[in-house]
Amino acid sequence: MVQLSSPHLQQELTRCVQARTGRQIRELAVELGPECVTLRGFTSTFYFKQLAQHGIRDVLPHVGLENAIVVDG
């Protein structure tokens, strides 16, 4: 079982999303809940929103994920 309350994990997930998206998610927030990761922020395309999700899946392939990134382009 993965410990979702680790600050180290939150930093790693943030770095993965930034690397995957080329830092195209503005105001990126990776929130760790008891059983779910939530992504928040803003981007210009659905492509970057999807890439952000894959950044999380690279590290945590079997954890619940809510992608609340807003596409405003």
Protein backbone atom coordinates (compact mmCIF):
# COMPACT_ATOMS: atom_id res chain seq x y z
CA MET A 1 0.00 0.00 0.00
CA VAL A 2 1.28 3.46 -0.92
CA GLN A 3 1.41 6.14 1.76
CA LEU A 4 -0.38 9.09 0.11
CA SER A 5 0.43 11.62 2.83
CA SER A 6 4.17 11.85 2.17
CA PRO A 7 5.53 15.33 1.29
CA HIS A 8 8.28 13.60 -0.68
CA LEU A 9 5.67 11.80 -2.80
CA GLN A 10 3.80 15.04 -3.42
CA GLN A 11 7.01 16.71 -4.63
CA GLU A 12 7.86 13.75 -6.86
CA LEU A 13 4.38 13.76 -8.41
CA THR A 14 4.57 17.51 -9.02
CA ARG A 15 7.96 17.12 -10.73
CA CYS A 16 6.61 14.29 -12.91
CA VAL A 17 3.61 16.32 -14.02
CA GLN A 18 5.78 19.37 -14.76
CA ALA A 19 8.23 17.27 -16.76
CA ARG A 20 5.46 15.47 -18.69
CA THR A 21 3.66 18.71 -19.57
CA GLY A 22 6.63 21.00 -20.15
CA ARG A 23 5.33 23.11 -17.25
CA GLN A 24 2.17 23.95 -19.22
CA ILE A 25 -0.10 23.61 -16.17
CA ARG A 26 -0.49 26.96 -14.44
CA GLU A 27 -1.06 27.03 -10.67
CA LEU A 28 -0.46 23.27 -10.51
CA ALA A 29 -1.56 21.64 -7.27
CA VAL A 30 -1.17 17.94 -6.53
CA GLU A 31 -3.38 17.06 -3.57
CA LEU A 32 -2.97 13.74 -1.79
CA GLY A 33 -6.08 12.33 -0.18
CA PRO A 34 -6.42 9.09 1.78
CA GLU A 35 -7.18 7.02 -1.33
CA CYS A 36 -6.99 9.46 -4.22
CA VAL A 37 -4.72 12.01 -5.90
CA THR A 38 -6.36 15.21 -7.17
CA LEU A 39 -4.81 17.42 -9.83
CA ARG A 40 -5.76 21.11 -9.98
CA GLY A 41 -4.61 23.95 -12.16
CA PHE A 42 -5.20 25.55 -15.54
CA THR A 43 -3.97 24.76 -19.03
CA SER A 44 -4.70 25.74 -22.62
CA THR A 45 -5.44 22.30 -24.09
CA PHE A 46 -6.98 18.96 -23.21
CA TYR A 47 -3.72 17.39 -24.42
CA PHE A 48 -1.77 18.94 -21.53
CA LYS A 49 -4.53 17.94 -19.11
CA GLN A 50 -4.17 14.34 -20.27
CA LEU A 51 -0.37 14.48 -20.09
CA ALA A 52 -0.62 15.65 -16.47
CA GLN A 53 -2.72 12.60 -15.68
CA HIS A 54 -0.15 10.32 -17.29
CA GLY A 55 2.56 11.98 -15.17
CA ILE A 56 0.74 10.74 -12.06
CA ARG A 57 0.14 7.31 -13.58
CA ASP A 58 3.89 6.93 -14.21
CA VAL A 59 4.45 6.93 -10.44
CA LEU A 60 1.13 5.61 -9.08
CA PRO A 61 -0.53 3.43 -11.72
CA HIS A 62 -3.18 1.91 -9.42
CA VAL A 63 -4.27 4.82 -7.22
CA GLY A 64 -7.53 6.74 -7.65
CA LEU A 65 -7.04 9.94 -9.62
CA GLU A 66 -9.27 12.99 -10.04
CA ASN A 67 -8.15 15.32 -12.79
CA ALA A 68 -9.73 18.70 -11.96
CA ILE A 69 -7.41 20.72 -14.23
CA VAL A 70 -9.41 23.38 -16.08
CA VAL A 71 -8.86 23.83 -19.81
CA ASP A 72 -9.24 27.56 -20.46
CA GLY A 73 -7.78 27.93 -23.93
